[in-house]
N, C-alpha and C. Protein backbone atom coordinates (compact mmCIF):
# COMPACT_ATOMS: atom_id res chain seq x y z
N MET A 1 -59.92 33.31 -17.79
CA MET A 1 -59.19 33.93 -16.69
C MET A 1 -59.57 33.32 -15.35
N ALA A 2 -60.87 32.96 -15.21
CA ALA A 2 -61.35 32.37 -13.95
C ALA A 2 -60.65 31.06 -13.66
N LYS A 3 -60.43 30.25 -14.71
CA LYS A 3 -59.75 28.97 -14.55
C LYS A 3 -58.33 29.17 -14.07
N LYS A 4 -57.60 30.16 -14.64
CA LYS A 4 -56.24 30.44 -14.24
C LYS A 4 -56.18 30.87 -12.78
N THR A 5 -57.14 31.71 -12.38
CA THR A 5 -57.17 32.17 -11.00
C THR A 5 -57.40 30.99 -10.05
N THR A 6 -58.27 30.08 -10.44
CA THR A 6 -58.55 28.90 -9.61
C THR A 6 -57.31 28.04 -9.46
N GLU A 7 -56.58 27.84 -10.54
CA GLU A 7 -55.34 27.04 -10.49
C GLU A 7 -54.30 27.70 -9.60
N GLU A 8 -54.23 29.02 -9.68
CA GLU A 8 -53.28 29.76 -8.85
C GLU A 8 -53.65 29.63 -7.38
N GLU A 9 -54.92 29.72 -7.12
CA GLU A 9 -55.37 29.60 -5.73
C GLU A 9 -55.06 28.20 -5.19
N ILE A 10 -55.28 27.19 -6.01
CA ILE A 10 -54.98 25.82 -5.59
C ILE A 10 -53.49 25.66 -5.32
N ARG A 11 -52.66 26.23 -6.20
CA ARG A 11 -51.21 26.14 -6.01
C ARG A 11 -50.80 26.81 -4.71
N GLN A 12 -51.35 28.01 -4.45
CA GLN A 12 -51.01 28.73 -3.22
C GLN A 12 -51.47 27.96 -1.98
N GLN A 13 -52.65 27.35 -2.12
CA GLN A 13 -53.17 26.56 -1.01
C GLN A 13 -52.27 25.37 -0.71
N ASN A 14 -51.77 24.71 -1.78
CA ASN A 14 -50.86 23.57 -1.62
C ASN A 14 -49.56 23.99 -0.96
N VAL A 15 -49.06 25.16 -1.39
CA VAL A 15 -47.83 25.67 -0.79
C VAL A 15 -48.05 25.97 0.69
N ALA A 16 -49.16 26.60 0.99
CA ALA A 16 -49.45 26.94 2.38
C ALA A 16 -49.57 25.69 3.25
N GLU A 17 -50.20 24.65 2.70
CA GLU A 17 -50.33 23.40 3.44
C GLU A 17 -48.96 22.76 3.67
N ALA A 18 -48.11 22.81 2.65
CA ALA A 18 -46.78 22.22 2.78
C ALA A 18 -45.97 22.96 3.83
N VAL A 19 -46.05 24.30 3.82
CA VAL A 19 -45.34 25.10 4.82
C VAL A 19 -45.87 24.80 6.21
N SER A 20 -47.17 24.68 6.30
CA SER A 20 -47.79 24.40 7.60
C SER A 20 -47.35 23.04 8.13
N LYS A 21 -47.31 22.03 7.24
CA LYS A 21 -46.87 20.70 7.66
C LYS A 21 -45.41 20.72 8.08
N THR A 22 -44.59 21.50 7.36
CA THR A 22 -43.17 21.59 7.70
C THR A 22 -42.99 22.24 9.07
N GLU A 23 -43.75 23.33 9.28
CA GLU A 23 -43.66 24.00 10.57
C GLU A 23 -44.11 23.07 11.69
N GLN A 24 -45.20 22.33 11.44
CA GLN A 24 -45.70 21.41 12.44
C GLN A 24 -44.67 20.31 12.75
N PHE A 25 -43.99 19.82 11.68
CA PHE A 25 -42.97 18.78 11.85
C PHE A 25 -41.85 19.28 12.74
N PHE A 26 -41.39 20.51 12.48
CA PHE A 26 -40.31 21.07 13.29
C PHE A 26 -40.74 21.33 14.72
N LYS A 27 -42.01 21.72 14.90
CA LYS A 27 -42.50 21.93 16.26
C LYS A 27 -42.50 20.62 17.04
N GLU A 28 -42.90 19.53 16.36
CA GLU A 28 -43.02 18.24 17.03
C GLU A 28 -41.66 17.55 17.22
N ASN A 29 -40.73 17.81 16.28
CA ASN A 29 -39.47 17.08 16.30
C ASN A 29 -38.24 17.98 16.46
N GLY A 30 -38.49 19.22 16.82
CA GLY A 30 -37.40 20.19 16.90
C GLY A 30 -36.26 19.75 17.80
N LYS A 31 -36.58 19.24 18.98
CA LYS A 31 -35.54 18.83 19.92
C LYS A 31 -34.67 17.72 19.34
N ILE A 32 -35.33 16.76 18.66
CA ILE A 32 -34.58 15.65 18.07
C ILE A 32 -33.66 16.16 16.97
N ILE A 33 -34.20 17.04 16.12
CA ILE A 33 -33.42 17.57 15.00
C ILE A 33 -32.22 18.36 15.51
N TYR A 34 -32.46 19.26 16.47
CA TYR A 34 -31.36 20.05 17.01
C TYR A 34 -30.34 19.15 17.71
N GLY A 35 -30.83 18.12 18.37
CA GLY A 35 -29.93 17.17 19.02
C GLY A 35 -29.02 16.47 18.02
N CYS A 36 -29.62 16.07 16.88
CA CYS A 36 -28.82 15.43 15.83
C CYS A 36 -27.78 16.37 15.26
N VAL A 37 -28.20 17.63 15.02
CA VAL A 37 -27.26 18.62 14.47
C VAL A 37 -26.09 18.83 15.44
N ILE A 38 -26.41 18.96 16.72
CA ILE A 38 -25.37 19.16 17.72
C ILE A 38 -24.44 17.95 17.79
N ALA A 39 -25.03 16.75 17.71
CA ALA A 39 -24.23 15.53 17.75
C ALA A 39 -23.25 15.47 16.58
N VAL A 40 -23.73 15.84 15.39
CA VAL A 40 -22.87 15.85 14.20
C VAL A 40 -21.74 16.85 14.38
N LEU A 41 -22.07 18.03 14.91
CA LEU A 41 -21.04 19.05 15.13
C LEU A 41 -20.00 18.58 16.15
N VAL A 42 -20.47 17.92 17.21
CA VAL A 42 -19.55 17.42 18.23
C VAL A 42 -18.61 16.38 17.64
N ILE A 43 -19.16 15.46 16.82
CA ILE A 43 -18.34 14.43 16.20
C ILE A 43 -17.31 15.05 15.26
N ALA A 44 -17.76 16.04 14.46
CA ALA A 44 -16.85 16.71 13.52
C ALA A 44 -15.72 17.41 14.26
N LEU A 45 -16.07 18.09 15.36
CA LEU A 45 -15.04 18.79 16.15
C LEU A 45 -14.10 17.79 16.81
N ALA A 46 -14.64 16.65 17.24
CA ALA A 46 -13.80 15.62 17.85
C ALA A 46 -12.80 15.06 16.84
N ILE A 47 -13.26 14.86 15.60
CA ILE A 47 -12.37 14.35 14.54
C ILE A 47 -11.27 15.36 14.24
N LEU A 48 -11.66 16.64 14.15
CA LEU A 48 -10.67 17.69 13.89
C LEU A 48 -9.65 17.77 15.02
N ALA A 49 -10.14 17.68 16.25
CA ALA A 49 -9.24 17.74 17.40
C ALA A 49 -8.30 16.55 17.43
N TYR A 50 -8.83 15.37 17.12
CA TYR A 50 -7.99 14.16 17.10
C TYR A 50 -6.88 14.31 16.05
N ASN A 51 -7.25 14.76 14.85
CA ASN A 51 -6.26 14.91 13.78
C ASN A 51 -5.18 15.93 14.16
N ARG A 52 -5.62 17.03 14.78
CA ARG A 52 -4.68 18.12 15.07
C ARG A 52 -3.80 17.85 16.28
N PHE A 53 -4.41 17.31 17.33
CA PHE A 53 -3.69 17.21 18.60
C PHE A 53 -3.14 15.82 18.92
N ILE A 54 -3.61 14.80 18.19
CA ILE A 54 -3.14 13.44 18.46
C ILE A 54 -2.47 12.83 17.23
N LEU A 55 -3.20 12.77 16.11
CA LEU A 55 -2.68 12.09 14.93
C LEU A 55 -1.47 12.79 14.34
N GLN A 56 -1.58 14.11 14.11
CA GLN A 56 -0.47 14.83 13.50
C GLN A 56 0.80 14.80 14.37
N PRO A 57 0.70 15.02 15.68
CA PRO A 57 1.91 14.91 16.51
C PRO A 57 2.53 13.51 16.47
N LYS A 58 1.68 12.48 16.44
CA LYS A 58 2.21 11.11 16.37
C LYS A 58 2.92 10.88 15.04
N LYS A 59 2.39 11.44 13.96
CA LYS A 59 3.06 11.32 12.66
C LYS A 59 4.44 11.94 12.71
N ILE A 60 4.51 13.13 13.32
CA ILE A 60 5.80 13.82 13.42
C ILE A 60 6.76 13.02 14.29
N GLN A 61 6.26 12.50 15.41
CA GLN A 61 7.11 11.70 16.29
C GLN A 61 7.63 10.46 15.58
N ALA A 62 6.75 9.78 14.84
CA ALA A 62 7.15 8.57 14.13
C ALA A 62 8.21 8.87 13.08
N GLN A 63 8.02 9.97 12.35
CA GLN A 63 8.99 10.35 11.32
C GLN A 63 10.34 10.69 11.94
N ASP A 64 10.30 11.37 13.09
CA ASP A 64 11.55 11.71 13.79
C ASP A 64 12.28 10.45 14.25
N GLN A 65 11.52 9.49 14.75
CA GLN A 65 12.11 8.24 15.24
C GLN A 65 12.74 7.44 14.11
N MET A 66 12.22 7.58 12.90
CA MET A 66 12.71 6.78 11.78
C MET A 66 14.06 7.23 11.26
N VAL A 67 14.47 8.44 11.57
CA VAL A 67 15.70 8.99 11.00
C VAL A 67 16.90 8.10 11.31
N LYS A 68 17.10 7.76 12.59
CA LYS A 68 18.26 6.96 12.98
C LYS A 68 18.14 5.54 12.44
N ALA A 69 16.92 4.98 12.48
CA ALA A 69 16.72 3.62 11.96
C ALA A 69 17.05 3.56 10.47
N GLU A 70 16.70 4.59 9.74
CA GLU A 70 17.01 4.65 8.31
C GLU A 70 18.52 4.71 8.09
N GLN A 71 19.21 5.45 8.94
CA GLN A 71 20.68 5.53 8.82
C GLN A 71 21.32 4.17 9.05
N TRP A 72 20.85 3.45 10.05
CA TRP A 72 21.37 2.10 10.29
C TRP A 72 21.09 1.20 9.10
N PHE A 73 19.89 1.33 8.56
CA PHE A 73 19.51 0.50 7.41
C PHE A 73 20.43 0.78 6.23
N GLU A 74 20.66 2.04 5.93
CA GLU A 74 21.48 2.43 4.78
C GLU A 74 22.92 1.94 4.94
N SER A 75 23.40 1.84 6.19
CA SER A 75 24.77 1.38 6.41
C SER A 75 24.85 -0.14 6.55
N GLY A 76 23.73 -0.81 6.36
CA GLY A 76 23.73 -2.28 6.40
C GLY A 76 23.67 -2.87 7.80
N GLU A 77 23.39 -2.05 8.79
CA GLU A 77 23.27 -2.54 10.17
C GLU A 77 21.80 -2.91 10.43
N TYR A 78 21.40 -4.02 9.86
CA TYR A 78 19.98 -4.38 9.82
C TYR A 78 19.41 -4.74 11.19
N GLU A 79 20.22 -5.37 12.04
CA GLU A 79 19.73 -5.72 13.38
C GLU A 79 19.43 -4.46 14.18
N LEU A 80 20.34 -3.49 14.13
CA LEU A 80 20.10 -2.23 14.81
C LEU A 80 18.91 -1.49 14.21
N ALA A 81 18.83 -1.54 12.89
CA ALA A 81 17.72 -0.87 12.22
C ALA A 81 16.38 -1.42 12.70
N LEU A 82 16.34 -2.69 13.02
CA LEU A 82 15.10 -3.33 13.46
C LEU A 82 14.83 -3.11 14.95
N THR A 83 15.85 -3.27 15.78
CA THR A 83 15.63 -3.30 17.23
C THR A 83 16.08 -2.05 17.96
N GLY A 84 16.88 -1.17 17.31
CA GLY A 84 17.36 0.02 17.97
C GLY A 84 18.54 -0.28 18.89
N ASP A 85 19.01 0.76 19.58
CA ASP A 85 20.18 0.60 20.43
C ASP A 85 19.91 0.95 21.89
N GLY A 86 18.65 1.07 22.27
CA GLY A 86 18.31 1.45 23.63
C GLY A 86 18.05 2.93 23.78
N ASN A 87 18.62 3.73 22.90
CA ASN A 87 18.37 5.17 22.89
C ASN A 87 17.41 5.55 21.76
N ASP A 88 17.71 5.05 20.58
CA ASP A 88 16.85 5.29 19.42
C ASP A 88 16.10 4.01 19.07
N LEU A 89 14.86 4.18 18.64
CA LEU A 89 14.03 3.02 18.31
C LEU A 89 14.41 2.43 16.96
N GLY A 90 14.19 1.13 16.82
CA GLY A 90 14.31 0.48 15.53
C GLY A 90 12.93 0.37 14.89
N PHE A 91 12.89 -0.14 13.69
CA PHE A 91 11.62 -0.20 12.95
C PHE A 91 10.57 -1.06 13.66
N GLU A 92 10.99 -2.11 14.33
CA GLU A 92 10.02 -2.96 15.01
C GLU A 92 9.29 -2.20 16.12
N ASP A 93 10.03 -1.42 16.91
CA ASP A 93 9.40 -0.65 17.97
C ASP A 93 8.58 0.51 17.40
N ILE A 94 9.06 1.10 16.32
CA ILE A 94 8.32 2.18 15.67
C ILE A 94 6.97 1.67 15.18
N ILE A 95 6.98 0.49 14.58
CA ILE A 95 5.72 -0.10 14.11
C ILE A 95 4.80 -0.42 15.28
N ALA A 96 5.39 -0.96 16.36
CA ALA A 96 4.59 -1.32 17.53
C ALA A 96 3.95 -0.09 18.17
N GLN A 97 4.66 1.03 18.18
CA GLN A 97 4.15 2.24 18.84
C GLN A 97 3.32 3.13 17.94
N TYR A 98 3.69 3.19 16.66
CA TYR A 98 3.05 4.16 15.77
C TYR A 98 2.37 3.55 14.56
N GLY A 99 2.56 2.27 14.32
CA GLY A 99 2.01 1.69 13.10
C GLY A 99 2.63 2.35 11.89
N ALA A 100 1.80 2.72 10.94
CA ALA A 100 2.30 3.36 9.72
C ALA A 100 2.12 4.88 9.75
N LYS A 101 2.00 5.46 10.96
CA LYS A 101 1.80 6.91 11.05
C LYS A 101 2.97 7.69 10.48
N GLY A 102 4.16 7.08 10.49
CA GLY A 102 5.32 7.74 9.90
C GLY A 102 5.45 7.49 8.41
N GLY A 103 4.54 6.72 7.86
CA GLY A 103 4.56 6.41 6.43
C GLY A 103 4.65 4.91 6.19
N GLN A 104 4.16 4.49 5.03
CA GLN A 104 4.17 3.07 4.67
C GLN A 104 5.59 2.52 4.53
N ALA A 105 6.55 3.39 4.33
CA ALA A 105 7.93 2.93 4.13
C ALA A 105 8.46 2.13 5.30
N VAL A 106 7.89 2.32 6.49
CA VAL A 106 8.38 1.60 7.67
C VAL A 106 8.24 0.10 7.48
N TYR A 107 7.19 -0.33 6.81
CA TYR A 107 7.01 -1.77 6.55
C TYR A 107 8.01 -2.27 5.52
N MET A 108 8.32 -1.45 4.55
CA MET A 108 9.32 -1.82 3.54
C MET A 108 10.69 -1.98 4.19
N TYR A 109 11.09 -1.00 4.99
CA TYR A 109 12.38 -1.06 5.68
C TYR A 109 12.47 -2.31 6.56
N ALA A 110 11.44 -2.53 7.37
CA ALA A 110 11.46 -3.67 8.28
C ALA A 110 11.50 -4.98 7.52
N GLY A 111 10.72 -5.07 6.45
CA GLY A 111 10.68 -6.30 5.66
C GLY A 111 11.99 -6.61 4.98
N VAL A 112 12.60 -5.60 4.39
CA VAL A 112 13.88 -5.82 3.69
C VAL A 112 14.98 -6.15 4.69
N ALA A 113 14.95 -5.49 5.86
CA ALA A 113 15.94 -5.80 6.89
C ALA A 113 15.81 -7.25 7.34
N LYS A 114 14.59 -7.70 7.56
CA LYS A 114 14.36 -9.10 7.93
C LYS A 114 14.82 -10.04 6.82
N LEU A 115 14.61 -9.66 5.58
CA LEU A 115 15.05 -10.46 4.44
C LEU A 115 16.56 -10.64 4.45
N HIS A 116 17.29 -9.55 4.70
CA HIS A 116 18.75 -9.61 4.75
C HIS A 116 19.24 -10.49 5.90
N LEU A 117 18.46 -10.55 6.97
CA LEU A 117 18.85 -11.35 8.13
C LEU A 117 18.39 -12.79 8.03
N GLY A 118 17.70 -13.12 6.94
CA GLY A 118 17.26 -14.49 6.73
C GLY A 118 16.00 -14.86 7.50
N ALA A 119 15.31 -13.87 8.07
CA ALA A 119 14.05 -14.12 8.78
C ALA A 119 12.92 -13.99 7.76
N TYR A 120 12.77 -15.01 6.93
CA TYR A 120 11.91 -14.90 5.76
C TYR A 120 10.43 -14.74 6.09
N ASP A 121 9.93 -15.46 7.06
CA ASP A 121 8.51 -15.34 7.41
C ASP A 121 8.19 -13.94 7.93
N ASP A 122 9.07 -13.41 8.78
CA ASP A 122 8.86 -12.05 9.28
C ASP A 122 8.93 -11.03 8.13
N ALA A 123 9.87 -11.27 7.22
CA ALA A 123 10.01 -10.37 6.07
C ALA A 123 8.72 -10.35 5.26
N ILE A 124 8.16 -11.51 5.02
CA ILE A 124 6.93 -11.61 4.24
C ILE A 124 5.79 -10.88 4.95
N ASP A 125 5.69 -11.07 6.27
CA ASP A 125 4.62 -10.42 7.04
C ASP A 125 4.70 -8.90 6.92
N TYR A 126 5.89 -8.35 7.08
CA TYR A 126 6.05 -6.90 7.00
C TYR A 126 5.79 -6.38 5.58
N LEU A 127 6.36 -7.07 4.60
CA LEU A 127 6.25 -6.59 3.22
C LEU A 127 4.82 -6.66 2.70
N LYS A 128 4.07 -7.62 3.17
CA LYS A 128 2.66 -7.72 2.74
C LYS A 128 1.83 -6.56 3.30
N LYS A 129 2.31 -5.95 4.38
CA LYS A 129 1.59 -4.81 4.96
C LYS A 129 1.88 -3.51 4.21
N TYR A 130 2.95 -3.53 3.41
CA TYR A 130 3.29 -2.31 2.65
C TYR A 130 2.22 -2.07 1.60
N ASN A 131 1.67 -0.86 1.59
CA ASN A 131 0.59 -0.55 0.65
C ASN A 131 0.75 0.87 0.13
N GLY A 132 1.97 1.18 -0.31
CA GLY A 132 2.24 2.51 -0.83
C GLY A 132 1.60 2.75 -2.18
N ASP A 133 1.49 4.02 -2.55
CA ASP A 133 0.85 4.40 -3.81
C ASP A 133 1.79 4.30 -5.01
N ASP A 134 3.09 4.37 -4.77
CA ASP A 134 4.06 4.36 -5.86
C ASP A 134 4.18 2.94 -6.42
N PRO A 135 3.83 2.71 -7.69
CA PRO A 135 3.89 1.36 -8.25
C PRO A 135 5.30 0.79 -8.29
N ILE A 136 6.31 1.63 -8.41
CA ILE A 136 7.68 1.14 -8.43
C ILE A 136 8.06 0.56 -7.07
N MET A 137 7.72 1.29 -5.99
CA MET A 137 8.02 0.82 -4.65
C MET A 137 7.16 -0.40 -4.29
N LEU A 138 5.91 -0.38 -4.72
CA LEU A 138 5.04 -1.53 -4.45
C LEU A 138 5.56 -2.77 -5.16
N GLY A 139 6.01 -2.58 -6.42
CA GLY A 139 6.59 -3.69 -7.16
C GLY A 139 7.85 -4.21 -6.49
N ARG A 140 8.63 -3.30 -5.93
CA ARG A 140 9.84 -3.70 -5.21
C ARG A 140 9.48 -4.55 -3.99
N ALA A 141 8.46 -4.14 -3.27
CA ALA A 141 8.02 -4.91 -2.10
C ALA A 141 7.56 -6.30 -2.51
N GLN A 142 6.83 -6.37 -3.61
CA GLN A 142 6.35 -7.67 -4.10
C GLN A 142 7.51 -8.55 -4.54
N CYS A 143 8.51 -7.96 -5.16
CA CYS A 143 9.70 -8.71 -5.56
C CYS A 143 10.43 -9.26 -4.32
N CYS A 144 10.53 -8.44 -3.27
CA CYS A 144 11.20 -8.89 -2.05
C CYS A 144 10.44 -10.03 -1.39
N ILE A 145 9.12 -10.00 -1.51
CA ILE A 145 8.34 -11.14 -1.00
C ILE A 145 8.71 -12.39 -1.79
N GLY A 146 8.87 -12.24 -3.10
CA GLY A 146 9.32 -13.36 -3.92
C GLY A 146 10.69 -13.85 -3.49
N ASP A 147 11.60 -12.92 -3.19
CA ASP A 147 12.94 -13.31 -2.72
C ASP A 147 12.85 -14.10 -1.42
N ALA A 148 11.95 -13.68 -0.54
CA ALA A 148 11.80 -14.38 0.74
C ALA A 148 11.30 -15.81 0.52
N TYR A 149 10.39 -15.98 -0.43
CA TYR A 149 9.91 -17.34 -0.72
C TYR A 149 11.00 -18.19 -1.36
N VAL A 150 11.86 -17.56 -2.15
CA VAL A 150 13.02 -18.29 -2.67
C VAL A 150 13.88 -18.75 -1.51
N GLY A 151 14.09 -17.86 -0.53
CA GLY A 151 14.87 -18.23 0.64
C GLY A 151 14.26 -19.39 1.40
N LYS A 152 12.94 -19.50 1.35
CA LYS A 152 12.24 -20.61 2.01
C LYS A 152 12.21 -21.87 1.15
N GLY A 153 12.69 -21.74 -0.10
CA GLY A 153 12.68 -22.88 -1.01
C GLY A 153 11.34 -23.10 -1.70
N ASP A 154 10.43 -22.14 -1.57
CA ASP A 154 9.10 -22.24 -2.20
C ASP A 154 9.13 -21.47 -3.52
N TYR A 155 9.68 -22.11 -4.54
CA TYR A 155 9.88 -21.43 -5.82
C TYR A 155 8.57 -21.14 -6.55
N THR A 156 7.58 -21.98 -6.38
CA THR A 156 6.30 -21.77 -7.05
C THR A 156 5.65 -20.47 -6.58
N THR A 157 5.60 -20.29 -5.27
CA THR A 157 5.01 -19.05 -4.74
C THR A 157 5.87 -17.85 -5.09
N ALA A 158 7.18 -18.06 -5.08
CA ALA A 158 8.09 -16.96 -5.45
C ALA A 158 7.80 -16.47 -6.86
N ILE A 159 7.59 -17.39 -7.78
CA ILE A 159 7.31 -17.02 -9.17
C ILE A 159 6.06 -16.15 -9.25
N SER A 160 5.03 -16.51 -8.52
CA SER A 160 3.79 -15.74 -8.58
C SER A 160 4.01 -14.30 -8.11
N TRP A 161 4.89 -14.12 -7.10
CA TRP A 161 5.17 -12.76 -6.63
C TRP A 161 6.05 -11.99 -7.59
N PHE A 162 7.00 -12.68 -8.24
CA PHE A 162 7.82 -12.00 -9.24
C PHE A 162 6.96 -11.55 -10.43
N GLU A 163 6.02 -12.40 -10.82
CA GLU A 163 5.10 -12.03 -11.90
C GLU A 163 4.27 -10.81 -11.51
N LYS A 164 3.78 -10.83 -10.27
CA LYS A 164 2.96 -9.71 -9.78
C LYS A 164 3.78 -8.42 -9.77
N ALA A 165 5.02 -8.51 -9.34
CA ALA A 165 5.88 -7.33 -9.30
C ALA A 165 6.10 -6.76 -10.69
N ALA A 166 6.31 -7.64 -11.66
CA ALA A 166 6.53 -7.19 -13.04
C ALA A 166 5.29 -6.48 -13.59
N LYS A 167 4.12 -7.01 -13.27
CA LYS A 167 2.88 -6.39 -13.74
C LYS A 167 2.62 -5.06 -13.04
N THR A 168 2.98 -4.98 -11.77
CA THR A 168 2.75 -3.76 -11.01
C THR A 168 3.57 -2.60 -11.55
N THR A 169 4.83 -2.86 -11.86
CA THR A 169 5.69 -1.79 -12.35
C THR A 169 5.54 -1.59 -13.85
N ASP A 170 5.61 -2.69 -14.59
CA ASP A 170 5.52 -2.66 -16.06
C ASP A 170 6.45 -1.59 -16.64
N ASN A 171 7.69 -1.54 -16.15
CA ASN A 171 8.69 -0.62 -16.68
C ASN A 171 10.03 -1.37 -16.74
N LEU A 172 11.12 -0.66 -16.80
CA LEU A 172 12.41 -1.31 -16.93
C LEU A 172 12.73 -2.21 -15.74
N PHE A 173 12.15 -1.90 -14.57
CA PHE A 173 12.40 -2.75 -13.41
C PHE A 173 11.78 -4.13 -13.58
N ALA A 174 10.77 -4.22 -14.43
CA ALA A 174 10.09 -5.51 -14.63
C ALA A 174 11.04 -6.56 -15.18
N ALA A 175 12.04 -6.14 -15.93
CA ALA A 175 12.97 -7.10 -16.53
C ALA A 175 13.67 -7.93 -15.46
N SER A 176 14.14 -7.28 -14.40
CA SER A 176 14.84 -8.03 -13.35
C SER A 176 13.89 -8.99 -12.64
N TYR A 177 12.63 -8.59 -12.49
CA TYR A 177 11.66 -9.46 -11.82
C TYR A 177 11.34 -10.68 -12.69
N LEU A 178 11.27 -10.48 -14.00
CA LEU A 178 11.01 -11.59 -14.90
C LEU A 178 12.20 -12.56 -14.94
N ILE A 179 13.40 -12.03 -14.87
CA ILE A 179 14.58 -12.90 -14.84
C ILE A 179 14.58 -13.72 -13.55
N LYS A 180 14.21 -13.10 -12.44
CA LYS A 180 14.11 -13.85 -11.18
C LYS A 180 13.07 -14.96 -11.31
N ALA A 181 11.96 -14.66 -11.96
CA ALA A 181 10.93 -15.67 -12.18
C ALA A 181 11.48 -16.81 -13.03
N GLY A 182 12.27 -16.46 -14.05
CA GLY A 182 12.87 -17.48 -14.90
C GLY A 182 13.84 -18.38 -14.15
N ILE A 183 14.65 -17.78 -13.32
CA ILE A 183 15.62 -18.56 -12.53
C ILE A 183 14.89 -19.51 -11.58
N ALA A 184 13.82 -19.01 -10.97
CA ALA A 184 13.03 -19.85 -10.07
C ALA A 184 12.37 -21.00 -10.84
N ALA A 185 11.89 -20.69 -12.06
CA ALA A 185 11.29 -21.75 -12.89
C ALA A 185 12.32 -22.81 -13.26
N GLU A 186 13.55 -22.37 -13.56
CA GLU A 186 14.62 -23.34 -13.85
C GLU A 186 14.89 -24.23 -12.63
N ALA A 187 14.82 -23.64 -11.44
CA ALA A 187 15.05 -24.42 -10.22
C ALA A 187 14.00 -25.50 -10.06
N LEU A 188 12.81 -25.26 -10.63
CA LEU A 188 11.74 -26.25 -10.58
C LEU A 188 11.79 -27.21 -11.76
N GLY A 189 12.77 -27.02 -12.65
CA GLY A 189 12.88 -27.86 -13.83
C GLY A 189 11.92 -27.49 -14.93
N GLN A 190 11.37 -26.28 -14.86
CA GLN A 190 10.40 -25.81 -15.85
C GLN A 190 11.11 -24.94 -16.89
N ALA A 191 11.89 -25.58 -17.73
CA ALA A 191 12.73 -24.86 -18.69
C ALA A 191 11.91 -24.03 -19.67
N ASP A 192 10.82 -24.59 -20.17
CA ASP A 192 10.02 -23.87 -21.16
C ASP A 192 9.42 -22.61 -20.55
N LYS A 193 8.97 -22.73 -19.31
CA LYS A 193 8.40 -21.56 -18.63
C LYS A 193 9.46 -20.50 -18.41
N ALA A 194 10.65 -20.94 -18.00
CA ALA A 194 11.76 -20.01 -17.80
C ALA A 194 12.11 -19.30 -19.10
N LEU A 195 12.14 -20.06 -20.18
CA LEU A 195 12.47 -19.48 -21.49
C LEU A 195 11.46 -18.40 -21.87
N GLY A 196 10.21 -18.61 -21.52
CA GLY A 196 9.18 -17.62 -21.80
C GLY A 196 9.45 -16.30 -21.09
N TYR A 197 9.89 -16.38 -19.84
CA TYR A 197 10.22 -15.15 -19.11
C TYR A 197 11.39 -14.43 -19.75
N TYR A 198 12.41 -15.19 -20.12
CA TYR A 198 13.61 -14.58 -20.70
C TYR A 198 13.30 -13.93 -22.05
N LYS A 199 12.49 -14.58 -22.85
CA LYS A 199 12.13 -14.01 -24.15
C LYS A 199 11.26 -12.77 -23.99
N ASP A 200 10.45 -12.77 -22.93
CA ASP A 200 9.64 -11.58 -22.64
C ASP A 200 10.55 -10.39 -22.38
N VAL A 201 11.62 -10.61 -21.63
CA VAL A 201 12.58 -9.54 -21.36
C VAL A 201 13.22 -9.07 -22.66
N LYS A 202 13.64 -10.00 -23.49
CA LYS A 202 14.32 -9.66 -24.74
C LYS A 202 13.42 -8.87 -25.69
N GLU A 203 12.15 -9.27 -25.74
CA GLU A 203 11.24 -8.67 -26.71
C GLU A 203 10.59 -7.37 -26.21
N ASN A 204 10.34 -7.29 -24.90
CA ASN A 204 9.55 -6.17 -24.40
C ASN A 204 10.31 -5.20 -23.50
N TYR A 205 11.51 -5.61 -23.05
CA TYR A 205 12.27 -4.73 -22.15
C TYR A 205 13.72 -4.65 -22.61
N ALA A 206 13.90 -4.46 -23.89
CA ALA A 206 15.24 -4.48 -24.49
C ALA A 206 16.13 -3.36 -23.96
N ASN A 207 15.53 -2.28 -23.45
CA ASN A 207 16.32 -1.15 -22.95
C ASN A 207 16.73 -1.31 -21.49
N ALA A 208 16.25 -2.34 -20.84
CA ALA A 208 16.60 -2.57 -19.44
C ALA A 208 18.05 -3.04 -19.35
N PRO A 209 18.78 -2.64 -18.31
CA PRO A 209 20.17 -3.08 -18.17
C PRO A 209 20.31 -4.60 -18.20
N GLU A 210 19.35 -5.29 -17.60
CA GLU A 210 19.42 -6.75 -17.54
C GLU A 210 19.30 -7.39 -18.92
N ALA A 211 18.70 -6.68 -19.86
CA ALA A 211 18.49 -7.24 -21.20
C ALA A 211 19.81 -7.40 -21.96
N ALA A 212 20.85 -6.71 -21.52
CA ALA A 212 22.13 -6.79 -22.21
C ALA A 212 22.71 -8.20 -22.16
N GLU A 213 22.37 -8.96 -21.13
CA GLU A 213 22.90 -10.32 -21.00
C GLU A 213 21.81 -11.38 -21.07
N ILE A 214 20.64 -11.00 -21.57
CA ILE A 214 19.52 -11.95 -21.56
C ILE A 214 19.76 -13.11 -22.51
N ASP A 215 20.57 -12.88 -23.55
CA ASP A 215 20.83 -13.96 -24.52
C ASP A 215 21.51 -15.17 -23.86
N LYS A 216 22.32 -14.91 -22.85
CA LYS A 216 23.01 -16.04 -22.22
C LYS A 216 22.02 -16.94 -21.47
N TYR A 217 20.96 -16.34 -20.93
CA TYR A 217 19.93 -17.13 -20.26
C TYR A 217 19.15 -17.96 -21.28
N ILE A 218 18.85 -17.31 -22.41
CA ILE A 218 18.10 -18.00 -23.46
C ILE A 218 18.93 -19.13 -24.05
N THR A 219 20.19 -18.85 -24.35
CA THR A 219 21.07 -19.85 -24.93
C THR A 219 21.29 -21.04 -24.00
N ARG A 220 21.39 -20.74 -22.70
CA ARG A 220 21.59 -21.80 -21.73
C ARG A 220 20.48 -22.84 -21.78
N ILE A 221 19.27 -22.39 -22.03
CA ILE A 221 18.14 -23.32 -22.08
C ILE A 221 18.04 -23.98 -23.45
N GLU A 222 18.22 -23.18 -24.49
CA GLU A 222 18.02 -23.72 -25.84
C GLU A 222 19.11 -24.71 -26.23
N THR A 223 20.27 -24.63 -25.61
CA THR A 223 21.36 -25.58 -25.96
C THR A 223 21.34 -26.84 -25.12
N LYS A 224 20.43 -26.93 -24.15
CA LYS A 224 20.35 -28.15 -23.35
C LYS A 224 19.72 -29.26 -24.16
């Protein structure tokens, strides 16, 4: 029993020493600790205030501004969609003022509009900034980048983007991207590579609408 009592006393003594050291630490460093706590609280409150009073209103403003630009885009008025009409902003001004606060779609709209207008380098710049979470939309953006490189006559780079788009979506939309890759490969005189894309569509995406006419692409190469 004496041994147990001694061990208990030692344990209590250790605890008392630890408490004493902790108290001493707080006495010596209390101002610094409280200062750090206050600083953290101030930063947290500043972040909350920024989100509530600055970021959220800007998001709402950006989304409101996009309504008219989207209408112009849907009606095929791509120049207006990009530059606005003096009363309502176009996507270029929305991006300049708000960035992507209204959503990543602003880069997609601007990029596709530039693509339709033949401004391929600008289209590529905007579309590369698109970083949405939806793989279908991301694949679409990557395909449009491929289209822009086709417009520039850079078929090799276009193929790499069409391949990337097909891998990103890996669904029925992939068939159209693979066919685009095949057509670009044919433009480079790479018939075997093109045939590989077309057969991929036939074997792995038979339910895609584009697969209904894939045999004509295959036959065109095999009969040469």
